[in-house]
Protein backbone atom coordinates (compact mmCIF):
# COMPACT_ATOMS: atom_id res chain seq x y z
CA SER A 1 0.00 0.00 0.00
CA LYS A 2 1.08 3.57 -0.63
CA HIS A 3 2.79 5.59 2.07
CA LEU A 4 1.62 9.05 3.00
CA LEU A 5 4.09 11.42 4.69
CA ILE A 6 2.48 14.06 6.89
CA LYS A 7 3.37 16.31 9.82
CA ASP A 8 2.04 15.80 13.31
CA GLN A 9 1.26 18.60 15.77
CA LYS A 10 4.91 18.78 16.83
CA GLY A 11 6.11 19.15 13.26
CA ASP A 12 7.67 15.68 13.10
CA ASN A 13 7.24 13.47 10.05
CA VAL A 14 4.74 10.63 10.46
CA THR A 15 4.38 7.83 7.92
CA VAL A 16 0.85 6.49 7.47
CA LEU A 17 0.45 3.18 5.65
CA ASP A 18 -2.87 4.00 4.00
CA PRO A 19 -4.70 7.22 3.12
CA PRO A 20 -7.31 8.27 5.68
CA PRO A 21 -10.70 6.58 5.22
CA VAL A 22 -13.64 8.43 3.73
CA HIS A 23 -16.17 9.61 6.26
CA PRO A 24 -19.75 8.47 5.55
CA ARG A 25 -20.95 12.08 5.14
CA ALA A 26 -18.48 12.55 2.30
CA LEU A 27 -20.03 9.71 0.34
CA GLU A 28 -23.02 11.72 -0.87
CA HIS A 29 -20.87 13.47 -3.46
CA THR A 30 -19.17 10.22 -4.45
CA SER A 31 -22.50 8.48 -4.93
CA SER A 32 -23.74 11.23 -7.23
CA ILE A 33 -20.65 10.88 -9.41
CA LEU A 34 -20.96 7.10 -9.59
CA GLU A 35 -24.70 7.14 -10.29
CA GLY A 36 -25.40 5.31 -13.50
CA MET A 37 -21.95 3.71 -13.57
CA ILE A 38 -22.60 1.06 -10.91
CA PRO A 39 -25.26 -1.71 -11.03
CA ASN A 40 -28.35 -0.72 -9.09
CA GLU A 41 -28.81 -3.16 -6.21
CA SER A 42 -31.29 -1.06 -4.23
CA GLU A 43 -33.87 -3.84 -4.26
CA LEU A 44 -31.48 -5.91 -2.14
CA THR A 45 -29.86 -3.28 0.06
CA ALA A 46 -32.50 -0.67 0.89
CA GLY A 47 -34.67 -1.76 3.82
CA VAL A 48 -34.70 -5.51 3.24
CA LYS A 49 -37.81 -7.08 4.73
CA VAL A 50 -36.57 -9.68 7.22
CA GLU A 51 -38.79 -12.76 7.17
CA ALA A 52 -38.92 -15.68 9.59
CA GLY A 53 -37.29 -18.88 8.44
CA HIS A 54 -34.87 -17.14 6.08
CA SER A 55 -31.10 -16.73 6.40
CA TYR A 56 -29.53 -13.35 5.71
CA GLY A 57 -26.02 -12.21 4.93
CA PHE A 58 -23.70 -10.29 2.59
CA PHE A 59 -22.65 -10.59 -1.02
CA THR A 60 -19.38 -8.89 -1.99
CA ASP A 61 -18.27 -8.30 -5.57
CA THR A 62 -14.59 -7.44 -5.21
CA SER A 63 -14.43 -6.00 -8.74
CA LEU A 64 -16.59 -3.09 -7.51
CA CYS A 65 -14.74 -2.34 -4.25
CA ILE A 66 -12.70 0.90 -4.41
CA GLY A 67 -11.16 0.55 -0.95
CA CYS A 68 -12.73 3.72 0.46
CA LYS A 69 -13.15 2.09 3.92
CA ALA A 70 -16.45 3.83 4.53
CA CYS A 71 -17.79 0.48 5.74
CA VAL A 72 -15.00 0.23 8.32
CA VAL A 73 -15.90 3.60 9.84
CA ALA A 74 -19.64 2.91 9.73
CA CYS A 75 -19.18 -0.46 11.42
CA SER A 76 -17.19 1.05 14.29
CA GLU A 77 -19.76 3.79 14.83
CA ALA A 78 -22.73 1.42 14.68
CA ASN A 79 -21.17 -0.99 17.18
CA ASP A 80 -19.66 1.61 19.54
CA LEU A 81 -16.12 0.35 18.94
CA PRO A 82 -13.17 2.64 19.69
CA PRO A 83 -11.16 3.43 16.54
CA ASP A 84 -8.00 1.42 15.99
CA THR A 85 -5.38 4.09 15.28
CA GLN A 86 -2.22 2.20 16.24
CA LEU A 87 -0.73 2.02 12.73
CA SER A 88 -1.33 5.73 12.11
CA GLY A 89 0.14 6.91 15.39
CA GLY A 90 -3.27 7.96 16.69
CA LEU A 91 -4.17 10.07 13.66
CA THR A 92 -6.65 7.98 11.64
CA GLN A 93 -8.55 4.73 11.91
CA SER A 94 -6.19 2.27 10.20
CA PRO A 95 -6.60 -1.27 11.54
CA GLY A 96 -4.07 -3.80 10.27
CA ASP A 97 -6.47 -6.72 10.65
CA LEU A 98 -9.61 -7.83 12.43
CA ASN A 99 -9.11 -7.39 16.16
CA SER A 100 -10.93 -6.58 19.39
CA ARG A 101 -11.70 -3.09 18.03
CA THR A 102 -12.44 -4.03 14.43
CA LYS A 103 -15.32 -6.22 13.23
CA ASN A 104 -14.99 -5.30 9.57
CA ILE A 105 -11.93 -4.46 7.49
CA ILE A 106 -10.89 -3.67 3.93
CA LYS A 107 -7.71 -5.40 2.78
CA LEU A 108 -5.64 -4.91 -0.35
CA TYR A 109 -4.08 -7.71 -2.38
CA ARG A 110 -1.43 -6.75 -4.93
CA SER A 111 0.74 -9.14 -6.90
CA GLU A 112 4.52 -8.78 -6.68
CA ASP A 113 4.77 -7.52 -10.26
CA GLY A 114 1.93 -5.07 -9.69
CA THR A 115 -0.19 -6.40 -12.56
CA GLU A 116 -2.97 -7.77 -10.36
CA SER A 117 -4.74 -6.21 -7.39
CA SER A 118 -8.01 -6.28 -5.52
CA PHE A 119 -9.61 -4.87 -2.41
CA VAL A 120 -11.64 -7.27 -0.27
CA LYS A 121 -14.01 -6.77 2.65
CA ARG A 122 -13.50 -9.25 5.49
CA GLN A 123 -15.77 -9.98 8.45
CA CYS A 124 -17.52 -12.98 9.99
CA MET A 125 -18.71 -15.41 7.31
CA HIS A 126 -21.80 -16.52 9.27
CA CYS A 127 -21.35 -20.16 8.33
CA ILE A 128 -24.45 -22.29 7.87
CA ASP A 129 -22.94 -24.89 10.21
CA PRO A 130 -20.30 -22.88 12.14
CA GLY A 131 -17.23 -24.46 13.69
CA CYS A 132 -17.19 -21.79 16.42
CA VAL A 133 -20.72 -22.71 17.51
CA ALA A 134 -19.89 -26.42 17.65
CA ALA A 135 -16.72 -25.73 19.66
CA CYS A 136 -18.34 -23.44 22.25
CA PRO A 137 -18.99 -25.63 25.33
CA PHE A 138 -21.78 -23.49 26.81
CA GLY A 139 -23.53 -22.07 23.75
CA ALA A 140 -22.21 -18.52 24.05
CA LEU A 141 -21.81 -18.54 20.28
CA HIS A 142 -24.99 -19.72 18.61
CA LYS A 143 -27.04 -19.43 15.47
CA SER A 144 -29.70 -16.87 16.23
CA GLU A 145 -32.79 -16.03 14.26
CA HIS A 146 -32.13 -15.53 10.53
CA GLY A 147 -28.91 -17.54 10.73
CA ILE A 148 -26.75 -14.85 12.32
CA VAL A 149 -23.85 -16.25 14.35
CA ALA A 150 -24.32 -14.32 17.59
CA TRP A 151 -22.46 -14.13 20.90
CA ASP A 152 -24.12 -14.29 24.35
CA PRO A 153 -21.94 -12.68 27.05
CA GLY A 154 -23.91 -14.40 29.82
CA ARG A 155 -22.74 -17.83 28.65
CA CYS A 156 -19.12 -17.09 27.67
CA ILE A 157 -16.36 -18.45 29.94
CA GLY A 158 -13.48 -17.03 27.90
CA CYS A 159 -12.11 -20.42 26.77
CA ARG A 160 -11.51 -19.05 23.23
CA TYR A 161 -12.22 -22.43 21.60
CA CYS A 162 -14.12 -20.44 18.97
CA GLU A 163 -10.89 -18.77 17.83
CA VAL A 164 -9.29 -22.17 17.22
CA ALA A 165 -12.33 -23.72 15.52
CA CYS A 166 -13.00 -20.92 13.01
CA PRO A 167 -11.34 -21.69 9.64
CA PHE A 168 -11.45 -17.99 8.75
CA GLY A 169 -9.77 -16.70 11.92
CA ILE A 170 -12.64 -14.34 12.74
CA PRO A 171 -13.47 -14.26 16.50
CA LYS A 172 -11.20 -11.95 18.50
CA PHE A 173 -10.71 -11.81 22.27
CA GLU A 174 -10.44 -8.56 24.23
CA TRP A 175 -7.17 -9.14 26.07
CA ASP A 176 -7.03 -5.60 27.44
CA ARG A 177 -10.37 -5.64 29.30
CA PHE A 178 -11.19 -6.85 32.81
CA ASN A 179 -14.45 -8.34 31.53
CA PRO A 180 -13.46 -9.34 27.98
CA ARG A 181 -15.77 -10.03 25.07
CA ILE A 182 -15.55 -12.05 21.89
CA VAL A 183 -15.65 -9.47 19.10
CA LYS A 184 -17.01 -10.37 15.66
CA CYS A 185 -19.53 -9.15 13.11
CA GLU A 186 -23.11 -9.94 14.07
CA LEU A 187 -24.70 -8.33 11.00
CA CYS A 188 -25.70 -5.31 13.12
CA ARG A 189 -28.58 -7.41 14.47
CA HIS A 190 -29.36 -4.67 16.97
CA ARG A 191 -30.13 -2.31 14.04
CA LEU A 192 -32.03 -4.54 11.63
CA ALA A 193 -35.47 -3.91 13.11
CA THR A 194 -35.14 -0.13 12.73
CA ASP A 195 -32.54 0.42 9.99
CA GLY A 196 -33.35 -2.52 7.73
CA GLN A 197 -29.72 -3.41 7.00
CA PRO A 198 -26.21 -3.42 8.52
CA ALA A 199 -24.25 -0.17 8.67
CA CYS A 200 -21.58 -1.29 6.20
CA THR A 201 -23.97 -1.96 3.32
CA ARG A 202 -25.83 1.29 3.89
CA VAL A 203 -22.74 3.43 3.24
CA CYS A 204 -21.03 1.49 0.43
CA PRO A 205 -20.93 3.96 -2.50
CA THR A 206 -20.50 1.33 -5.23
CA SER A 207 -22.73 -1.45 -3.85
CA ALA A 208 -19.67 -3.66 -3.74
CA VAL A 209 -21.23 -5.27 -0.66
CA ILE A 210 -24.97 -5.77 -0.44
CA TYR A 211 -27.25 -7.27 2.21
CA GLY A 212 -30.16 -9.61 1.76
CA GLU A 213 -31.64 -13.08 2.02
CA ARG A 214 -29.01 -15.68 1.17
CA ALA A 215 -30.97 -17.35 -1.60
CA ALA A 216 -31.56 -14.00 -3.32
CA LEU A 217 -27.90 -13.01 -2.96
CA LEU A 218 -26.74 -16.33 -4.40
CA ALA A 219 -29.13 -15.97 -7.33
CA ASP A 220 -27.81 -12.46 -8.00
CA ALA A 221 -24.20 -13.67 -7.89
CA LYS A 222 -24.94 -16.46 -10.36
CA ARG A 223 -26.73 -13.99 -12.63
CA ARG A 224 -23.61 -11.83 -12.77
CA VAL A 225 -21.48 -14.86 -13.59
CA ALA A 226 -23.85 -15.84 -16.39
CA GLU A 227 -23.93 -12.31 -17.82
CA HIS A 228 -20.13 -11.88 -17.65
CA PRO A 229 -18.51 -15.27 -18.31
CA GLY A 230 -14.78 -15.24 -17.61
CA LYS A 231 -14.88 -12.03 -15.58
CA TYR A 232 -14.86 -13.79 -12.22
CA TRP A 233 -12.37 -16.37 -10.94
CA LYS A 234 -13.45 -19.77 -12.30
CA ASP A 235 -17.00 -18.37 -12.52
CA HIS A 236 -17.41 -19.53 -8.94
CA VAL A 237 -19.34 -18.04 -6.02
CA TYR A 238 -17.25 -18.43 -2.86
CA GLY A 239 -19.36 -19.47 0.11
CA GLU A 240 -21.97 -21.39 -1.84
CA ARG A 241 -20.44 -24.70 -0.73
CA GLU A 242 -17.16 -23.95 1.10
CA GLY A 243 -17.18 -25.27 4.65
CA GLY A 244 -20.77 -26.40 4.27
CA GLY A 245 -21.80 -23.00 2.92
CA THR A 246 -21.70 -19.49 4.34
CA GLN A 247 -24.15 -16.62 4.48
CA VAL A 248 -21.43 -14.29 3.23
CA LEU A 249 -20.78 -14.79 -0.48
CA TYR A 250 -18.00 -13.50 -2.74
CA LEU A 251 -17.29 -13.00 -6.42
CA SER A 252 -13.69 -12.11 -7.23
CA HIS A 253 -11.62 -11.34 -10.30
CA VAL A 254 -8.54 -12.83 -8.59
CA PRO A 255 -8.06 -16.23 -6.89
CA PHE A 256 -9.90 -16.36 -3.57
CA GLU A 257 -6.87 -17.71 -1.70
CA ARG A 258 -4.99 -14.49 -2.50
CA LEU A 259 -7.70 -12.55 -0.69
CA GLY A 260 -7.32 -14.64 2.44
CA LEU A 261 -10.32 -16.87 1.74
CA PRO A 262 -9.13 -20.44 2.39
CA LYS A 263 -9.80 -23.42 0.21
CA LEU A 264 -12.24 -25.61 2.15
CA ARG A 265 -14.07 -28.85 1.54
CA ASP A 266 -17.81 -28.82 0.94
CA GLU A 267 -18.43 -30.49 4.32
CA SER A 268 -18.87 -28.23 7.33
CA ILE A 269 -16.08 -28.05 9.91
CA PRO A 270 -18.06 -29.50 12.84
CA ARG A 271 -19.87 -32.18 10.83
CA ASP A 272 -17.97 -35.08 12.38
CA GLY A 273 -17.43 -33.72 15.89
CA SER A 274 -20.52 -31.71 16.76
CA PHE A 275 -22.76 -34.73 17.34
CA VAL A 276 -20.40 -36.19 19.93
CA LYS A 277 -20.11 -32.93 21.86
CA ARG A 278 -23.84 -32.26 21.69
CA SER A 279 -24.69 -35.78 22.86
CA LEU A 280 -22.32 -35.54 25.83
CA THR A 281 -23.79 -32.18 26.83
CA GLU A 282 -27.42 -33.30 26.50
CA LEU A 283 -26.75 -36.44 28.55
CA GLY A 284 -25.06 -34.44 31.28
CA VAL A 285 -21.78 -36.26 30.68
CA PHE A 286 -19.81 -33.20 29.55
CA PRO A 287 -19.85 -31.41 32.95
CA VAL A 288 -18.97 -34.69 34.71
CA LEU A 289 -16.01 -35.29 32.40
CA ALA A 290 -14.84 -31.70 32.87
CA TYR A 291 -14.99 -32.05 36.66
CA ALA A 292 -13.20 -35.41 36.54
CA GLY A 293 -10.46 -33.94 34.37
CA LEU A 294 -9.98 -30.98 36.70
CA THR A 295 -9.85 -33.29 39.73
CA PHE A 296 -7.22 -35.46 38.07
CA VAL A 297 -5.00 -32.47 37.29
CA VAL A 298 -5.30 -31.03 40.82
CA ARG A 299 -4.49 -34.35 42.46
CA ARG A 300 -1.49 -34.93 40.20
CA ARG A 301 -0.13 -31.47 40.92
CA TRP A 302 -0.64 -31.96 44.68
CA LYS A 303 1.21 -35.29 44.56
CA GLU A 304 4.11 -33.63 42.74
CA HIS A 305 4.08 -30.88 45.37
CA ASP A 306 4.29 -33.43 48.25
CA GLU A 307 7.17 -35.26 46.58
CA GLU A 308 9.10 -32.02 46.10
CA VAL A 309 8.54 -31.07 49.77
CA ARG A 310 9.93 -34.44 50.91
CA ARG A 311 12.97 -34.11 48.65
CA THR A 312 13.61 -30.60 49.92
CA GLU A 313 13.35 -31.62 53.57
CA ALA A 314 15.70 -34.59 52.98
CA ALA A 315 18.22 -32.26 51.36
CA GLY A 316 18.40 -29.80 54.25
CA GLY A 317 15.10 -28.58 55.55
CA PRO A 318 11.94 -27.01 54.20
CA MET A 319 12.00 -23.92 52.02
CA GLU A 320 10.43 -20.70 53.27
CA GLN A 321 7.92 -20.78 50.41
CA LEU A 322 7.30 -23.50 47.86
């Protein structure tokens, strides 16, 4: 990414990795310029009617993303997240990756020879059968209404199994808080009833990312592939089948792996293991096994402690503190 050299308040040079993001209020002018140049997706993005029994998500066409980062700013404001300004020395919101302050990010891929590049929006994929949900021992992460992968703070014990189980590396833990949370995109579910769509899709000036019912988004993606054969990588919609399917779909003009989207099998991550864990929990065996495991560890450590005390006393008396 390009470097921008500016002066701070003390007059010292400060290097910023990326240009400052566009504020949502500045997008009005941009939208007027782009009107007529970008496909009209208003039927999918403006006040989508949320219906029971349907799954909702995003569809991103990376060929339309201009990297303005308006969605990054809007996401932070909508979710009351403090801006991540570490890379810019406190000057602008410039997150390097998803973290405990960033649920949504724009990344840039550029080939070494500079002939190929693409911006990509990354956030939770809202898997149809999520690995994080299967791994969570107490159901803090769960599939809520409309398929959104949501987090319940009242059930979370901070084990962070969700971070390990997610093939996309999405959930982030707040290491700097006394009462930490798991931070990830939840499709602005607290806004859907009043605003009709997540904050990021509302401010996107090119409709590179749109919100809607998964079936409608998938149909729209396949329509674009049919109308523009060869434009998109292998004419494939990422998320249709990967990892059992996701509610966040992508079309890209470059290979998906180069955008950080891993190559996954069609089977979901927890397909083989979730039944075992669920059965143990429902039968009441999981808590018993957890208690038995903890008891075993404590007893083993206590035995080691007693043996060390005896060795110490045999060698010349007890230590002041062991």
